[in-house]
Amino acid sequence: MAEILINDQPVPVDPEGFLRNLDDWTPEAAEQLALQEGVQLTEAHWEILTVLRQFYQTFEMSPAMRPLVKAVAAELGPDKGKSIYLMSLFPGSPAKLASKIAGLPKPTNCL
């Protein structure tokens, strides 16, 4: 079973690096997951991660790109609720990468 070390403690992850247990997520876990993806977390990243975690608490699912853009726009304003902005923070597949760093399951329609 794959795992990452967080504060010298092994934490299980799936083959794609998503946490197996949502309760294992901490800010330190986010930092470690981001580091493995080559992302240096800034305040802007944390804003998106907070929106993602709130979305998950409300809907019990990780948002795909469109719902993520809408949720970010509703919480943080239209300037941040744009695909291009999210891609600048979370390159490649923002919904998938941000969900991973936020300790959430992979969005169902992300490859």
PDB file of N, CA and C in Angstrom:
ATOM      1  N   MET A   1       0.841  -1.181   0.000  1.00  0.00           N
ATOM      2  CA  MET A   1       0.000   0.000   0.000  1.00  0.00           C
ATOM      3  C   MET A   1       0.887   1.245   0.000  1.00  0.00           C
ATOM      4  N   ALA A   2       0.545   2.198  -0.842  1.00  0.00           N
ATOM      5  CA  ALA A   2       1.316   3.439  -0.928  1.00  0.00           C
ATOM      6  C   ALA A   2       1.013   4.320   0.285  1.00  0.00           C
ATOM      7  N   GLU A   3       2.010   5.131   0.645  1.00  0.00           N
ATOM      8  CA  GLU A   3       1.823   6.042   1.772  1.00  0.00           C
ATOM      9  C   GLU A   3       2.755   7.234   1.612  1.00  0.00           C
ATOM     10  N   ILE A   4       2.415   8.302   2.333  1.00  0.00           N
ATOM     11  CA  ILE A   4       3.285   9.463   2.423  1.00  0.00           C
ATOM     12  C   ILE A   4       3.591   9.689   3.899  1.00  0.00           C
ATOM     13  N   LEU A   5       4.669  10.377   4.165  1.00  0.00           N
ATOM     14  CA  LEU A   5       5.021  10.690   5.546  1.00  0.00           C
ATOM     15  C   LEU A   5       4.573  12.105   5.876  1.00  0.00           C
ATOM     16  N   ILE A   6       3.803  12.224   6.949  1.00  0.00           N
ATOM     17  CA  ILE A   6       3.359  13.520   7.435  1.00  0.00           C
ATOM     18  C   ILE A   6       3.722  13.583   8.910  1.00  0.00           C
ATOM     19  N   ASN A   7       4.590  14.535   9.250  1.00  0.00           N
ATOM     20  CA  ASN A   7       5.101  14.633  10.626  1.00  0.00           C
ATOM     21  C   ASN A   7       5.672  13.292  11.084  1.00  0.00           C
ATOM     22  N   ASP A   8       6.436  12.661  10.204  1.00  0.00           N
ATOM     23  CA  ASP A   8       7.090  11.373  10.468  1.00  0.00           C
ATOM     24  C   ASP A   8       6.112  10.225  10.695  1.00  0.00           C
ATOM     25  N   GLN A   9       4.862  10.403  10.319  1.00  0.00           N
ATOM     26  CA  GLN A   9       3.855   9.347  10.449  1.00  0.00           C
ATOM     27  C   GLN A   9       3.423   8.896   9.056  1.00  0.00           C
ATOM     28  N   PRO A  10       3.392   7.583   8.792  1.00  0.00           N
ATOM     29  CA  PRO A  10       2.919   7.125   7.488  1.00  0.00           C
ATOM     30  C   PRO A  10       1.403   7.306   7.357  1.00  0.00           C
ATOM     31  N   VAL A  11       0.995   7.850   6.215  1.00  0.00           N
ATOM     32  CA  VAL A  11      -0.425   8.071   5.927  1.00  0.00           C
ATOM     33  C   VAL A  11      -0.730   7.389   4.594  1.00  0.00           C
ATOM     34  N   PRO A  12      -1.708   6.460   4.567  1.00  0.00           N
ATOM     35  CA  PRO A  12      -1.992   5.728   3.334  1.00  0.00           C
ATOM     36  C   PRO A  12      -2.626   6.609   2.256  1.00  0.00           C
ATOM     37  N   VAL A  13      -2.163   6.382   1.027  1.00  0.00           N
ATOM     38  CA  VAL A  13      -2.723   7.051  -0.140  1.00  0.00           C
ATOM     39  C   VAL A  13      -3.033   6.005  -1.198  1.00  0.00           C
ATOM     40  N   ASP A  14      -3.911   6.357  -2.130  1.00  0.00           N
ATOM     41  CA  ASP A  14      -4.225   5.430  -3.217  1.00  0.00           C
ATOM     42  C   ASP A  14      -3.115   5.511  -4.273  1.00  0.00           C
ATOM     43  N   PRO A  15      -3.189   4.697  -5.319  1.00  0.00           N
ATOM     44  CA  PRO A  15      -2.113   4.699  -6.325  1.00  0.00           C
ATOM     45  C   PRO A  15      -1.891   6.059  -7.007  1.00  0.00           C
ATOM     46  N   GLU A  16      -2.902   6.934  -6.999  1.00  0.00           N
ATOM     47  CA  GLU A  16      -2.749   8.258  -7.605  1.00  0.00           C
ATOM     48  C   GLU A  16      -2.301   9.314  -6.593  1.00  0.00           C
ATOM     49  N   GLY A  17      -2.143   8.923  -5.328  1.00  0.00           N
ATOM     50  CA  GLY A  17      -1.671   9.858  -4.321  1.00  0.00           C
ATOM     51  C   GLY A  17      -2.753  10.566  -3.526  1.00  0.00           C
ATOM     52  N   PHE A  18      -4.014  10.182  -3.722  1.00  0.00           N
ATOM     53  CA  PHE A  18      -5.113  10.749  -2.932  1.00  0.00           C
ATOM     54  C   PHE A  18      -5.156  10.057  -1.573  1.00  0.00           C
ATOM     55  N   LEU A  19      -5.443  10.816  -0.526  1.00  0.00           N
ATOM     56  CA  LEU A  19      -5.554  10.220   0.805  1.00  0.00           C
ATOM     57  C   LEU A  19      -6.631   9.150   0.806  1.00  0.00           C
ATOM     58  N   ARG A  20      -6.345   8.023   1.428  1.00  0.00           N
ATOM     59  CA  ARG A  20      -7.357   6.963   1.546  1.00  0.00           C
ATOM     60  C   ARG A  20      -8.392   7.296   2.615  1.00  0.00           C
ATOM     61  N   ASN A  21      -7.974   8.019   3.645  1.00  0.00           N
ATOM     62  CA  ASN A  21      -8.874   8.369   4.743  1.00  0.00           C
ATOM     63  C   ASN A  21      -8.940   9.890   4.839  1.00  0.00           C
ATOM     64  N   LEU A  22     -10.122  10.459   4.621  1.00  0.00           N
ATOM     65  CA  LEU A  22     -10.280  11.916   4.636  1.00  0.00           C
ATOM     66  C   LEU A  22      -9.888  12.524   5.979  1.00  0.00           C
ATOM     67  N   ASP A  23     -10.010  11.746   7.043  1.00  0.00           N
ATOM     68  CA  ASP A  23      -9.666  12.250   8.377  1.00  0.00           C
ATOM     69  C   ASP A  23      -8.154  12.410   8.572  1.00  0.00           C
ATOM     70  N   ASP A  24      -7.356  11.894   7.643  1.00  0.00           N
ATOM     71  CA  ASP A  24      -5.901  12.056   7.731  1.00  0.00           C
ATOM     72  C   ASP A  24      -5.446  13.438   7.272  1.00  0.00           C
ATOM     73  N   TRP A  25      -6.365  14.218   6.701  1.00  0.00           N
ATOM     74  CA  TRP A  25      -5.971  15.522   6.171  1.00  0.00           C
ATOM     75  C   TRP A  25      -5.706  16.521   7.294  1.00  0.00           C
ATOM     76  N   THR A  26      -4.621  17.234   7.152  1.00  0.00           N
ATOM     77  CA  THR A  26      -4.251  18.358   8.013  1.00  0.00           C
ATOM     78  C   THR A  26      -3.576  19.386   7.104  1.00  0.00           C
ATOM     79  N   PRO A  27      -3.384  20.603   7.571  1.00  0.00           N
ATOM     80  CA  PRO A  27      -2.610  21.548   6.757  1.00  0.00           C
ATOM     81  C   PRO A  27      -1.220  21.011   6.412  1.00  0.00           C
ATOM     82  N   GLU A  28      -0.615  20.263   7.332  1.00  0.00           N
ATOM     83  CA  GLU A  28       0.687  19.667   7.053  1.00  0.00           C
ATOM     84  C   GLU A  28       0.587  18.621   5.935  1.00  0.00           C
ATOM     85  N   ALA A  29      -0.510  17.868   5.936  1.00  0.00           N
ATOM     86  CA  ALA A  29      -0.731  16.899   4.858  1.00  0.00           C
ATOM     87  C   ALA A  29      -0.863  17.626   3.524  1.00  0.00           C
ATOM     88  N   ALA A  30      -1.584  18.736   3.525  1.00  0.00           N
ATOM     89  CA  ALA A  30      -1.746  19.527   2.296  1.00  0.00           C
ATOM     90  C   ALA A  30      -0.384  19.992   1.787  1.00  0.00           C
ATOM     91  N   GLU A  31       0.445  20.476   2.688  1.00  0.00           N
ATOM     92  CA  GLU A  31       1.786  20.941   2.298  1.00  0.00           C
ATOM     93  C   GLU A  31       2.580  19.796   1.665  1.00  0.00           C
ATOM     94  N   GLN A  32       2.502  18.609   2.264  1.00  0.00           N
ATOM     95  CA  GLN A  32       3.248  17.452   1.753  1.00  0.00           C
ATOM     96  C   GLN A  32       2.703  17.004   0.401  1.00  0.00           C
ATOM     97  N   LEU A  33       1.380  16.934   0.275  1.00  0.00           N
ATOM     98  CA  LEU A  33       0.766  16.538  -0.997  1.00  0.00           C
ATOM     99  C   LEU A  33       1.120  17.539  -2.091  1.00  0.00           C
ATOM    100  N   ALA A  34       1.086  18.832  -1.759  1.00  0.00           N
ATOM    101  CA  ALA A  34       1.427  19.870  -2.734  1.00  0.00           C
ATOM    102  C   ALA A  34       2.884  19.746  -3.162  1.00  0.00           C
ATOM    103  N   LEU A  35       3.757  19.526  -2.194  1.00  0.00           N
ATOM    104  CA  LEU A  35       5.181  19.383  -2.469  1.00  0.00           C
ATOM    105  C   LEU A  35       5.427  18.254  -3.467  1.00  0.00           C
ATOM    106  N   GLN A  36       4.736  17.136  -3.271  1.00  0.00           N
ATOM    107  CA  GLN A  36       4.891  15.997  -4.172  1.00  0.00           C
ATOM    108  C   GLN A  36       4.412  16.315  -5.586  1.00  0.00           C
ATOM    109  N   GLU A  37       3.508  17.303  -5.698  1.00  0.00           N
ATOM    110  CA  GLU A  37       2.983  17.692  -7.003  1.00  0.00           C
ATOM    111  C   GLU A  37       3.731  18.894  -7.582  1.00  0.00           C
ATOM    112  N   GLY A  38       4.744  19.372  -6.861  1.00  0.00           N
ATOM    113  CA  GLY A  38       5.513  20.509  -7.343  1.00  0.00           C
ATOM    114  C   GLY A  38       4.810  21.840  -7.171  1.00  0.00           C
ATOM    115  N   VAL A  39       3.881  21.915  -6.212  1.00  0.00           N
ATOM    116  CA  VAL A  39       3.128  23.138  -5.959  1.00  0.00           C
ATOM    117  C   VAL A  39       3.563  23.722  -4.619  1.00  0.00           C
ATOM    118  N   GLN A  40       3.934  24.991  -4.619  1.00  0.00           N
ATOM    119  CA  GLN A  40       4.276  25.703  -3.387  1.00  0.00           C
ATOM    120  C   GLN A  40       3.019  26.460  -2.950  1.00  0.00           C
ATOM    121  N   LEU A  41       2.421  26.050  -1.843  1.00  0.00           N
ATOM    122  CA  LEU A  41       1.157  26.646  -1.419  1.00  0.00           C
ATOM    123  C   LEU A  41       1.350  28.082  -0.948  1.00  0.00           C
ATOM    124  N   THR A  42       0.473  28.955  -1.464  1.00  0.00           N
ATOM    125  CA  THR A  42       0.431  30.359  -1.072  1.00  0.00           C
ATOM    126  C   THR A  42      -0.950  30.644  -0.475  1.00  0.00           C
ATOM    127  N   GLU A  43      -1.154  31.862  -0.039  1.00  0.00           N
ATOM    128  CA  GLU A  43      -2.465  32.240   0.491  1.00  0.00           C
ATOM    129  C   GLU A  43      -3.563  32.023  -0.555  1.00  0.00           C
ATOM    130  N   ALA A  44      -3.239  32.288  -1.821  1.00  0.00           N
ATOM    131  CA  ALA A  44      -4.222  32.085  -2.901  1.00  0.00           C
ATOM    132  C   ALA A  44      -4.626  30.612  -3.013  1.00  0.00           C
ATOM    133  N   HIS A  45      -3.654  29.713  -2.873  1.00  0.00           N
ATOM    134  CA  HIS A  45      -3.963  28.280  -2.901  1.00  0.00           C
ATOM    135  C   HIS A  45      -4.875  27.909  -1.730  1.00  0.00           C
ATOM    136  N   TRP A  46      -4.542  28.422  -0.548  1.00  0.00           N
ATOM    137  CA  TRP A  46      -5.327  28.081   0.648  1.00  0.00           C
ATOM    138  C   TRP A  46      -6.769  28.552   0.516  1.00  0.00           C
ATOM    139  N   GLU A  47      -6.997  29.691  -0.152  1.00  0.00           N
ATOM    140  CA  GLU A  47      -8.376  30.158  -0.374  1.00  0.00           C
ATOM    141  C   GLU A  47      -9.163  29.114  -1.160  1.00  0.00           C
ATOM    142  N   ILE A  48      -8.550  28.589  -2.215  1.00  0.00           N
ATOM    143  CA  ILE A  48      -9.223  27.598  -3.061  1.00  0.00           C
ATOM    144  C   ILE A  48      -9.424  26.298  -2.286  1.00  0.00           C
ATOM    145  N   LEU A  49      -8.420  25.879  -1.530  1.00  0.00           N
ATOM    146  CA  LEU A  49      -8.548  24.645  -0.747  1.00  0.00           C
ATOM    147  C   LEU A  49      -9.675  24.768   0.272  1.00  0.00           C
ATOM    148  N   THR A  50      -9.830  25.936   0.868  1.00  0.00           N
ATOM    149  CA  THR A  50     -10.917  26.165   1.834  1.00  0.00           C
ATOM    150  C   THR A  50     -12.273  26.061   1.141  1.00  0.00           C
ATOM    151  N   VAL A  51     -12.402  26.679  -0.034  1.00  0.00           N
ATOM    152  CA  VAL A  51     -13.658  26.594  -0.793  1.00  0.00           C
ATOM    153  C   VAL A  51     -13.958  25.143  -1.138  1.00  0.00           C
ATOM    154  N   LEU A  52     -12.942  24.418  -1.568  1.00  0.00           N
ATOM    155  CA  LEU A  52     -13.118  22.997  -1.923  1.00  0.00           C
ATOM    156  C   LEU A  52     -13.606  22.172  -0.737  1.00  0.00           C
ATOM    157  N   ARG A  53     -12.981  22.378   0.398  1.00  0.00           N
ATOM    158  CA  ARG A  53     -13.365  21.605   1.579  1.00  0.00           C
ATOM    159  C   ARG A  53     -14.782  21.965   2.029  1.00  0.00           C
ATOM    160  N   GLN A  54     -15.176  23.226   1.901  1.00  0.00           N
ATOM    161  CA  GLN A  54     -16.550  23.632   2.224  1.00  0.00           C
ATOM    162  C   GLN A  54     -17.535  22.991   1.249  1.00  0.00           C
ATOM    163  N   PHE A  55     -17.176  22.971  -0.037  1.00  0.00           N
ATOM    164  CA  PHE A  55     -18.015  22.345  -1.060  1.00  0.00           C
ATOM    165  C   PHE A  55     -18.231  20.874  -0.706  1.00  0.00           C
ATOM    166  N   TYR A  56     -17.153  20.197  -0.328  1.00  0.00           N
ATOM    167  CA  TYR A  56     -17.261  18.776   0.013  1.00  0.00           C
ATOM    168  C   TYR A  56     -18.159  18.564   1.232  1.00  0.00           C
ATOM    169  N   GLN A  57     -18.030  19.414   2.238  1.00  0.00           N
ATOM    170  CA  GLN A  57     -18.879  19.290   3.429  1.00  0.00           C
ATOM    171  C   GLN A  57     -20.349  19.464   3.072  1.00  0.00           C
ATOM    172  N   THR A  58     -20.635  20.351   2.134  1.00  0.00           N
ATOM    173  CA  THR A  58     -22.017  20.623   1.742  1.00  0.00           C
ATOM    174  C   THR A  58     -22.595  19.518   0.859  1.00  0.00           C
ATOM    175  N   PHE A  59     -21.831  19.104  -0.155  1.00  0.00           N
ATOM    176  CA  PHE A  59     -22.357  18.204  -1.183  1.00  0.00           C
ATOM    177  C   PHE A  59     -21.837  16.771  -1.103  1.00  0.00           C
ATOM    178  N   GLU A  60     -20.881  16.507  -0.201  1.00  0.00           N
ATOM    179  CA  GLU A  60     -20.290  15.180  -0.032  1.00  0.00           C
ATOM    180  C   GLU A  60     -19.720  14.614  -1.328  1.00  0.00           C
ATOM    181  N   MET A  61     -19.122  15.501  -2.120  1.00  0.00           N
ATOM    182  CA  MET A  61     -18.437  15.107  -3.347  1.00  0.00           C
ATOM    183  C   MET A  61     -17.433  16.187  -3.706  1.00  0.00           C
ATOM    184  N   SER A  62     -16.400  15.782  -4.417  1.00  0.00           N
ATOM    185  CA  SER A  62     -15.428  16.746  -4.924  1.00  0.00           C
ATOM    186  C   SER A  62     -15.959  17.313  -6.236  1.00  0.00           C
ATOM    187  N   PRO A  63     -15.878  18.641  -6.409  1.00  0.00           N
ATOM    188  CA  PRO A  63     -16.443  19.227  -7.630  1.00  0.00           C
ATOM    189  C   PRO A  63     -15.558  18.995  -8.845  1.00  0.00           C
ATOM    190  N   ALA A  64     -16.203  18.798  -9.984  1.00  0.00           N
ATOM    191  CA  ALA A  64     -15.496  18.822 -11.255  1.00  0.00           C
ATOM    192  C   ALA A  64     -15.191  20.291 -11.565  1.00  0.00           C
ATOM    193  N   MET A  65     -14.608  20.565 -12.708  1.00  0.00           N
ATOM    194  CA  MET A  65     -14.127  21.913 -13.010  1.00  0.00           C
ATOM    195  C   MET A  65     -15.239  22.964 -13.002  1.00  0.00           C
ATOM    196  N   ARG A  66     -16.340  22.718 -13.691  1.00  0.00           N
ATOM    197  CA  ARG A  66     -17.397  23.739 -13.761  1.00  0.00           C
ATOM    198  C   ARG A  66     -17.980  24.087 -12.392  1.00  0.00           C
ATOM    199  N   PRO A  67     -18.377  23.092 -11.606  1.00  0.00           N
ATOM    200  CA  PRO A  67     -18.877  23.433 -10.267  1.00  0.00           C
ATOM    201  C   PRO A  67     -17.808  24.092  -9.393  1.00  0.00           C
ATOM    202  N   LEU A  68     -16.541  23.726  -9.589  1.00  0.00           N
ATOM    203  CA  LEU A  68     -15.463  24.359  -8.826  1.00  0.00           C
ATOM    204  C   LEU A  68     -15.372  25.836  -9.185  1.00  0.00           C
ATOM    205  N   VAL A  69     -15.405  26.151 -10.475  1.00  0.00           N
ATOM    206  CA  VAL A  69     -15.344  27.546 -10.923  1.00  0.00           C
ATOM    207  C   VAL A  69     -16.509  28.330 -10.323  1.00  0.00           C
ATOM    208  N   LYS A  70     -17.713  27.757 -10.354  1.00  0.00           N
ATOM    209  CA  LYS A  70     -18.896  28.440  -9.805  1.00  0.00           C
ATOM    210  C   LYS A  70     -18.768  28.650  -8.295  1.00  0.00           C
ATOM    211  N   ALA A  71     -18.290  27.634  -7.597  1.00  0.00           N
ATOM    212  CA  ALA A  71     -18.139  27.741  -6.143  1.00  0.00           C
ATOM    213  C   ALA A  71     -17.105  28.800  -5.777  1.00  0.00           C
ATOM    214  N   VAL A  72     -15.994  28.827  -6.498  1.00  0.00           N
ATOM    215  CA  VAL A  72     -14.955  29.827  -6.231  1.00  0.00           C
ATOM    216  C   VAL A  72     -15.484  31.222  -6.536  1.00  0.00           C
ATOM    217  N   ALA A  73     -16.191  31.381  -7.643  1.00  0.00           N
ATOM    218  CA  ALA A  73     -16.754  32.691  -7.994  1.00  0.00           C
ATOM    219  C   ALA A  73     -17.730  33.162  -6.924  1.00  0.00           C
ATOM    220  N   ALA A  74     -18.553  32.249  -6.423  1.00  0.00           N
ATOM    221  CA  ALA A  74     -19.541  32.614  -5.396  1.00  0.00           C
ATOM    222  C   ALA A  74     -18.861  33.016  -4.087  1.00  0.00           C
ATOM    223  N   GLU A  75     -17.775  32.334  -3.726  1.00  0.00           N
ATOM    224  CA  GLU A  75     -17.105  32.596  -2.453  1.00  0.00           C
ATOM    225  C   GLU A  75     -16.064  33.710  -2.528  1.00  0.00           C
ATOM    226  N   LEU A  76     -15.321  33.758  -3.619  1.00  0.00           N
ATOM    227  CA  LEU A  76     -14.158  34.648  -3.691  1.00  0.00           C
ATOM    228  C   LEU A  76     -14.272  35.735  -4.756  1.00  0.00           C
ATOM    229  N   GLY A  77     -15.366  35.723  -5.516  1.00  0.00           N
ATOM    230  CA  GLY A  77     -15.571  36.749  -6.531  1.00  0.00           C
ATOM    231  C   GLY A  77     -15.249  36.274  -7.936  1.00  0.00           C
ATOM    232  N   PRO A  78     -15.769  37.017  -8.931  1.00  0.00           N
ATOM    233  CA  PRO A  78     -15.635  36.585 -10.326  1.00  0.00           C
ATOM    234  C   PRO A  78     -14.196  36.571 -10.846  1.00  0.00           C
ATOM    235  N   ASP A  79     -13.313  37.400 -10.297  1.00  0.00           N
ATOM    236  CA  ASP A  79     -11.929  37.400 -10.775  1.00  0.00           C
ATOM    237  C   ASP A  79     -11.222  36.080 -10.467  1.00  0.00           C
ATOM    238  N   LYS A  80     -11.557  35.478  -9.330  1.00  0.00           N
ATOM    239  CA  LYS A  80     -10.926  34.211  -8.953  1.00  0.00           C
ATOM    240  C   LYS A  80     -11.729  33.016  -9.450  1.00  0.00           C
ATOM    241  N   GLY A  81     -12.974  33.230  -9.795  1.00  0.00           N
ATOM    242  CA  GLY A  81     -13.825  32.154 -10.287  1.00  0.00           C
ATOM    243  C   GLY A  81     -13.706  31.993 -11.784  1.00  0.00           C
ATOM    244  N   LYS A  82     -12.472  31.802 -12.236  1.00  0.00           N
ATOM    245  CA  LYS A  82     -12.193  31.614 -13.664  1.00  0.00           C
ATOM    246  C   LYS A  82     -11.246  30.435 -13.828  1.00  0.00           C
ATOM    247  N   SER A  83     -11.463  29.671 -14.880  1.00  0.00           N
ATOM    248  CA  SER A  83     -10.615  28.505 -15.154  1.00  0.00           C
ATOM    249  C   SER A  83      -9.152  28.895 -15.257  1.00  0.00           C
ATOM    250  N   ILE A  84      -8.865  29.992 -15.918  1.00  0.00           N
ATOM    251  CA  ILE A  84      -7.473  30.397 -16.127  1.00  0.00           C
ATOM    252  C   ILE A  84      -6.778  30.695 -14.797  1.00  0.00           C
ATOM    253  N   TYR A  85      -7.512  31.301 -13.862  1.00  0.00           N
ATOM    254  CA  TYR A  85      -6.947  31.590 -12.546  1.00  0.00           C
ATOM    255  C   TYR A  85      -6.654  30.284 -11.808  1.00  0.00           C
ATOM    256  N   LEU A  86      -7.610  29.357 -11.839  1.00  0.00           N
ATOM    257  CA  LEU A  86      -7.419  28.078 -11.150  1.00  0.00           C
ATOM    258  C   LEU A  86      -6.272  27.288 -11.774  1.00  0.00           C
ATOM    259  N   MET A  87      -6.128  27.361 -13.086  1.00  0.00           N
ATOM    260  CA  MET A  87      -5.041  26.645 -13.754  1.00  0.00           C
ATOM    261  C   MET A  87      -3.689  27.264 -13.414  1.00  0.00           C
ATOM    262  N   SER A  88      -3.659  28.556 -13.118  1.00  0.00           N
ATOM    263  CA  SER A  88      -2.391  29.176 -12.748  1.00  0.00           C
ATOM    264  C   SER A  88      -1.933  28.687 -11.371  1.00  0.00           C
ATOM    265  N   LEU A  89      -2.886  28.336 -10.515  1.00  0.00           N
ATOM    266  CA  LEU A  89      -2.558  27.837  -9.175  1.00  0.00           C
ATOM    267  C   LEU A  89      -2.343  26.328  -9.160  1.00  0.00           C
ATOM    268  N   PHE A  90      -3.191  25.621  -9.891  1.00  0.00           N
ATOM    269  CA  PHE A  90      -3.176  24.153  -9.905  1.00  0.00           C
ATOM    270  C   PHE A  90      -3.080  23.689 -11.360  1.00  0.00           C
ATOM    271  N   PRO A  91      -1.854  23.623 -11.903  1.00  0.00           N
ATOM    272  CA  PRO A  91      -1.665  23.316 -13.324  1.00  0.00           C
ATOM    273  C   PRO A  91      -2.212  21.944 -13.723  1.00  0.00           C
ATOM    274  N   GLY A  92      -2.571  21.855 -14.998  1.00  0.00           N
ATOM    275  CA  GLY A  92      -3.065  20.586 -15.527  1.00  0.00           C
ATOM    276  C   GLY A  92      -4.559  20.473 -15.351  1.00  0.00           C
ATOM    277  N   SER A  93      -4.965  19.750 -14.342  1.00  0.00           N
ATOM    278  CA  SER A  93      -6.386  19.564 -14.027  1.00  0.00           C
ATOM    279  C   SER A  93      -6.649  20.170 -12.645  1.00  0.00           C
ATOM    280  N   PRO A  94      -7.041  21.453 -12.602  1.00  0.00           N
ATOM    281  CA  PRO A  94      -7.200  22.123 -11.298  1.00  0.00           C
ATOM    282  C   PRO A  94      -8.152  21.404 -10.337  1.00  0.00           C
ATOM    283  N   ALA A  95      -9.274  20.905 -10.841  1.00  0.00           N
ATOM    284  CA  ALA A  95     -10.235  20.251  -9.944  1.00  0.00           C
ATOM    285  C   ALA A  95      -9.608  19.005  -9.312  1.00  0.00           C
ATOM    286  N   LYS A  96      -8.896  18.229 -10.107  1.00  0.00           N
ATOM    287  CA  LYS A  96      -8.276  16.998  -9.611  1.00  0.00           C
ATOM    288  C   LYS A  96      -7.123  17.313  -8.655  1.00  0.00           C
ATOM    289  N   LEU A  97      -6.224  18.201  -9.055  1.00  0.00           N
ATOM    290  CA  LEU A  97      -5.045  18.509  -8.250  1.00  0.00           C
ATOM    291  C   LEU A  97      -5.431  19.201  -6.940  1.00  0.00           C
ATOM    292  N   ALA A  98      -6.336  20.160  -7.024  1.00  0.00           N
ATOM    293  CA  ALA A  98      -6.751  20.871  -5.808  1.00  0.00           C
ATOM    294  C   ALA A  98      -7.483  19.920  -4.858  1.00  0.00           C
ATOM    295  N   SER A  99      -8.297  19.031  -5.396  1.00  0.00           N
ATOM    296  CA  SER A  99      -8.987  18.052  -4.545  1.00  0.00           C
ATOM    297  C   SER A  99      -7.987  17.152  -3.833  1.00  0.00           C
ATOM    298  N   LYS A 100      -6.950  16.736  -4.544  1.00  0.00           N
ATOM    299  CA  LYS A 100      -5.924  15.885  -3.942  1.00  0.00           C
ATOM    300  C   LYS A 100      -5.255  16.612  -2.779  1.00  0.00           C
ATOM    301  N   ILE A 101      -4.844  17.860  -3.014  1.00  0.00           N
ATOM    302  CA  ILE A 101      -4.153  18.626  -1.979  1.00  0.00           C
ATOM    303  C   ILE A 101      -5.090  18.950  -0.817  1.00  0.00           C
ATOM    304  N   ALA A 102      -6.378  19.110  -1.115  1.00  0.00           N
ATOM    305  CA  ALA A 102      -7.372  19.395  -0.070  1.00  0.00           C
ATOM    306  C   ALA A 102      -7.760  18.148   0.711  1.00  0.00           C
ATOM    307  N   GLY A 103      -7.191  16.991   0.329  1.00  0.00           N
ATOM    308  CA  GLY A 103      -7.464  15.756   1.053  1.00  0.00           C
ATOM    309  C   GLY A 103      -8.799  15.128   0.713  1.00  0.00           C
ATOM    310  N   LEU A 104      -9.337  15.493  -0.444  1.00  0.00           N
ATOM    311  CA  LEU A 104     -10.655  15.006  -0.853  1.00  0.00           C
ATOM    312  C   LEU A 104     -10.519  13.918  -1.912  1.00  0.00           C
ATOM    313  N   PRO A 105     -11.583  13.151  -2.142  1.00  0.00           N
ATOM    314  CA  PRO A 105     -11.529  12.133  -3.198  1.00  0.00           C
ATOM    315  C   PRO A 105     -11.397  12.796  -4.566  1.00  0.00           C
ATOM    316  N   LYS A 106     -10.915  12.027  -5.525  1.00  0.00           N
ATOM    317  CA  LYS A 106     -10.818  12.506  -6.892  1.00  0.00           C
ATOM    318  C   LYS A 106     -12.230  12.783  -7.412  1.00  0.00           C
ATOM    319  N   PRO A 107     -12.438  13.935  -8.081  1.00  0.00           N
ATOM    320  CA  PRO A 107     -13.754  14.185  -8.687  1.00  0.00           C
ATOM    321  C   PRO A 107     -14.112  13.041  -9.631  1.00  0.00           C
ATOM    322  N   THR A 108     -15.365  12.651  -9.640  1.00  0.00           N
ATOM    323  CA  THR A 108     -15.765  11.442 -10.346  1.00  0.00           C
ATOM    324  C   THR A 108     -15.516  11.490 -11.846  1.00  0.00           C
ATOM    325  N   ASN A 109     -15.605  12.663 -12.480  1.00  0.00           N
ATOM    326  CA  ASN A 109     -15.413  12.668 -13.924  1.00  0.00           C
ATOM    327  C   ASN A 109     -14.030  13.130 -14.338  1.00  0.00           C
ATOM    328  N   CYS A 110     -13.061  13.131 -13.425  1.00  0.00           N
ATOM    329  CA  CYS A 110     -11.675  13.459 -13.772  1.00  0.00           C
ATOM    330  C   CYS A 110     -10.924  12.166 -14.069  1.00  0.00           C
ATOM    331  N   LEU A 111     -10.195  12.174 -15.160  1.00  0.00           N
ATOM    332  CA  LEU A 111      -9.429  10.980 -15.548  1.00  0.00           C
ATOM    333  C   LEU A 111      -8.156  10.875 -14.750  1.00  0.00           C
TER     334      LEU A 111
END
